[in-house]
Protein backbone atom coordinates (compact mmCIF):
# COMPACT_ATOMS: atom_id res chain seq x y z
CA UNK A 1 2.07 -2.77 -3.96
CA UNK A 2 1.50 0.98 -4.23
CA UNK A 3 4.21 3.63 -4.24
CA UNK A 4 5.30 5.30 -1.03
CA UNK A 5 4.12 8.64 -2.45
CA UNK A 6 0.57 7.43 -3.01
CA UNK A 7 0.55 5.57 0.32
CA UNK A 8 1.63 8.77 2.07
CA UNK A 9 -1.16 10.74 0.33
CA UNK A 10 -3.70 8.11 1.47
CA UNK A 11 -2.44 8.27 5.05
CA UNK A 12 -2.43 12.08 5.07
CA UNK A 13 -5.93 12.03 3.54
CA UNK A 14 -7.26 10.02 6.45
CA UNK A 15 -6.91 6.33 5.51
CA UNK A 16 -6.60 4.43 8.78
CA UNK A 17 -4.39 1.40 9.26
CA UNK A 18 -4.90 -1.33 11.82
CA UNK A 19 -1.52 -3.10 11.57
CA UNK A 20 -1.83 -6.84 10.89
CA UNK A 21 0.65 -9.65 10.36
CA UNK A 22 1.87 -9.59 6.75
CA UNK A 23 1.30 -5.86 6.22
CA UNK A 24 4.07 -3.98 4.47
CA UNK A 25 5.17 -0.51 5.55
CA UNK A 26 8.02 1.97 5.40
CA UNK A 27 9.55 4.10 8.14
CA UNK A 28 9.55 7.62 6.74
CA UNK A 29 11.69 10.68 7.28
CA UNK A 30 14.42 8.72 9.07
CA UNK A 31 16.58 7.77 6.11
CA UNK A 32 14.70 4.48 5.63
CA UNK A 33 12.05 5.49 3.08
CA UNK A 34 13.34 2.85 0.65
CA UNK A 35 13.34 -0.04 3.15
CA UNK A 36 10.12 -2.05 3.11
CA UNK A 37 9.28 -3.81 6.38
CA UNK A 38 6.79 -6.62 6.89
CA UNK A 39 4.92 -7.14 10.14
CA UNK A 40 5.62 -10.61 11.44
CA UNK A 41 5.36 -12.65 14.60
CA UNK A 42 9.00 -13.54 14.27
CA UNK A 43 12.08 -12.27 12.52
CA UNK A 44 13.28 -14.41 9.64
CA UNK A 45 16.51 -13.71 7.85
CA UNK A 46 18.90 -15.40 5.49
CA UNK A 47 22.27 -16.37 7.03
CA UNK A 48 25.11 -16.63 4.50
CA UNK A 49 27.63 -19.41 5.10
CA UNK A 50 30.50 -20.64 2.89
CA UNK A 51 28.77 -23.96 2.30
CA UNK A 52 25.28 -22.50 1.66
CA UNK A 53 22.58 -20.19 2.85
CA UNK A 54 20.25 -20.94 5.75
CA UNK A 55 16.97 -19.31 6.61
CA UNK A 56 17.11 -18.36 10.28
CA UNK A 57 14.05 -18.05 12.50
CA UNK A 58 14.88 -15.60 15.27
CA UNK A 59 12.66 -14.74 18.22
CA UNK A 60 14.17 -11.29 18.69
CA UNK A 61 16.68 -9.08 16.94
CA UNK A 62 19.10 -6.73 18.62
CA UNK A 63 18.63 -3.50 16.71
CA UNK A 64 18.84 0.14 17.56
CA UNK A 65 15.21 0.69 16.54
CA UNK A 66 13.24 -1.26 19.12
CA UNK A 67 9.87 0.31 18.35
CA UNK A 68 8.40 3.15 16.40
CA UNK A 69 5.32 5.34 16.69
CA UNK A 70 2.96 4.48 13.82
CA UNK A 71 2.85 8.14 12.80
CA UNK A 72 6.41 7.65 11.50
CA UNK A 73 5.37 4.79 9.27
CA UNK A 74 3.38 4.53 6.07
CA UNK A 75 1.31 1.45 5.26
CA UNK A 76 1.77 -0.02 1.78
CA UNK A 77 -1.51 -1.84 1.22
CA UNK A 78 -1.62 -4.80 -1.14
CA UNK A 79 -3.99 -5.02 -4.11
CA UNK A 80 -6.38 -7.18 -2.12
CA UNK A 81 -6.37 -4.70 0.78
CA UNK A 82 -7.07 -1.83 -1.62
CA UNK A 83 -9.95 -3.77 -3.22
CA UNK A 84 -11.33 -4.45 0.25
CA UNK A 85 -11.18 -0.76 1.16
CA UNK A 86 -12.90 0.23 -2.10
CA UNK A 87 -15.70 -2.19 -1.17
CA UNK A 88 -19.01 -1.85 -3.03
CA UNK A 89 -17.78 1.23 -4.90
CA UNK A 90 -15.48 -0.98 -7.03
CA UNK A 91 -16.99 -1.65 -10.45
CA UNK A 92 -14.15 -3.21 -12.41
CA UNK A 93 -10.46 -3.67 -13.10
CA UNK A 94 -9.40 -4.22 -16.69
CA UNK A 95 -6.30 -4.16 -18.82
CA UNK A 96 -6.20 -1.26 -21.27
CA UNK A 97 -3.59 -0.21 -23.81
CA UNK A 98 -1.89 2.20 -21.40
CA UNK A 99 -1.99 0.02 -18.28
CA UNK A 100 -4.76 -0.92 -15.83
CA UNK A 101 -8.09 0.79 -15.49
CA UNK A 102 -10.09 0.76 -12.27
CA UNK A 103 -13.68 1.97 -12.28
CA UNK A 104 -15.54 2.93 -9.11
CA UNK A 105 -19.06 4.22 -8.59
CA UNK A 106 -19.89 6.86 -6.00
CA UNK A 107 -23.62 7.51 -6.00
CA UNK A 108 -24.60 8.09 -9.63
CA UNK A 109 -21.08 9.08 -10.63
CA UNK A 110 -18.59 6.61 -12.09
CA UNK A 111 -14.88 7.33 -11.81
CA UNK A 112 -11.92 5.85 -13.61
CA UNK A 113 -8.18 5.68 -12.87
CA UNK A 114 -5.61 4.34 -15.32
CA UNK A 115 -2.11 3.47 -14.17
CA UNK A 116 0.80 1.26 -15.26
CA UNK A 117 0.22 -0.80 -12.12
CA UNK A 118 -3.17 -2.15 -10.99
CA UNK A 119 -2.46 -1.37 -7.32
CA UNK A 120 -1.71 2.25 -8.17
CA UNK A 121 -5.03 2.51 -10.09
CA UNK A 122 -6.90 1.07 -7.09
CA UNK A 123 -5.03 3.49 -4.83
CA UNK A 124 -5.88 6.52 -6.95
CA UNK A 125 -9.60 5.72 -6.76
CA UNK A 126 -9.33 5.07 -3.04
CA UNK A 127 -7.58 8.41 -2.54
CA UNK A 128 -10.58 10.15 -4.12
CA UNK A 129 -12.96 8.20 -1.86
CA UNK A 130 -10.92 8.93 1.28
CA UNK A 131 -10.37 12.63 0.69
CA UNK A 132 -13.55 13.49 -1.20
CA UNK A 133 -11.43 15.86 -3.21
CA UNK A 134 -10.77 15.93 -6.93
CA UNK A 135 -7.75 13.73 -7.57
CA UNK A 136 -6.10 14.41 -10.97
CA UNK A 137 -5.53 10.69 -11.49
CA UNK A 138 -9.26 9.96 -11.25
CA UNK A 139 -11.55 11.13 -14.02
CA UNK A 140 -15.36 10.97 -14.36
CA UNK A 141 -16.57 8.36 -16.84
CA UNK A 142 -19.32 9.51 -19.24
């Protein structure tokens, strides 16, 4: 999963999100930036009891935050969702000494991003594709 900072840059750069079951996101600028939420058809939570834990399946939850405008959330795409968004531009993912390297091809130009985390490397390349701007994390490959 990518960092909230990179996810925010992708959103602000124009990456669109069509929320689907299983998607992860954060609610930003409301003191919940560190809380990761998952879209689900039902709320599932662990109930702690003296004689053991139970996983509870709840139809609804009474909570002060009943709904939120998507503009106050930031999607945290998974590696597979990032690969899907990169589409035919994706050339490769490989392990290198300093982390993970993703290569993408845009026209005749090949780009590379190296990160500690593969999802972050995918996200850096996607940020370049979404914004069309030079992204310091993405370098041309000779």
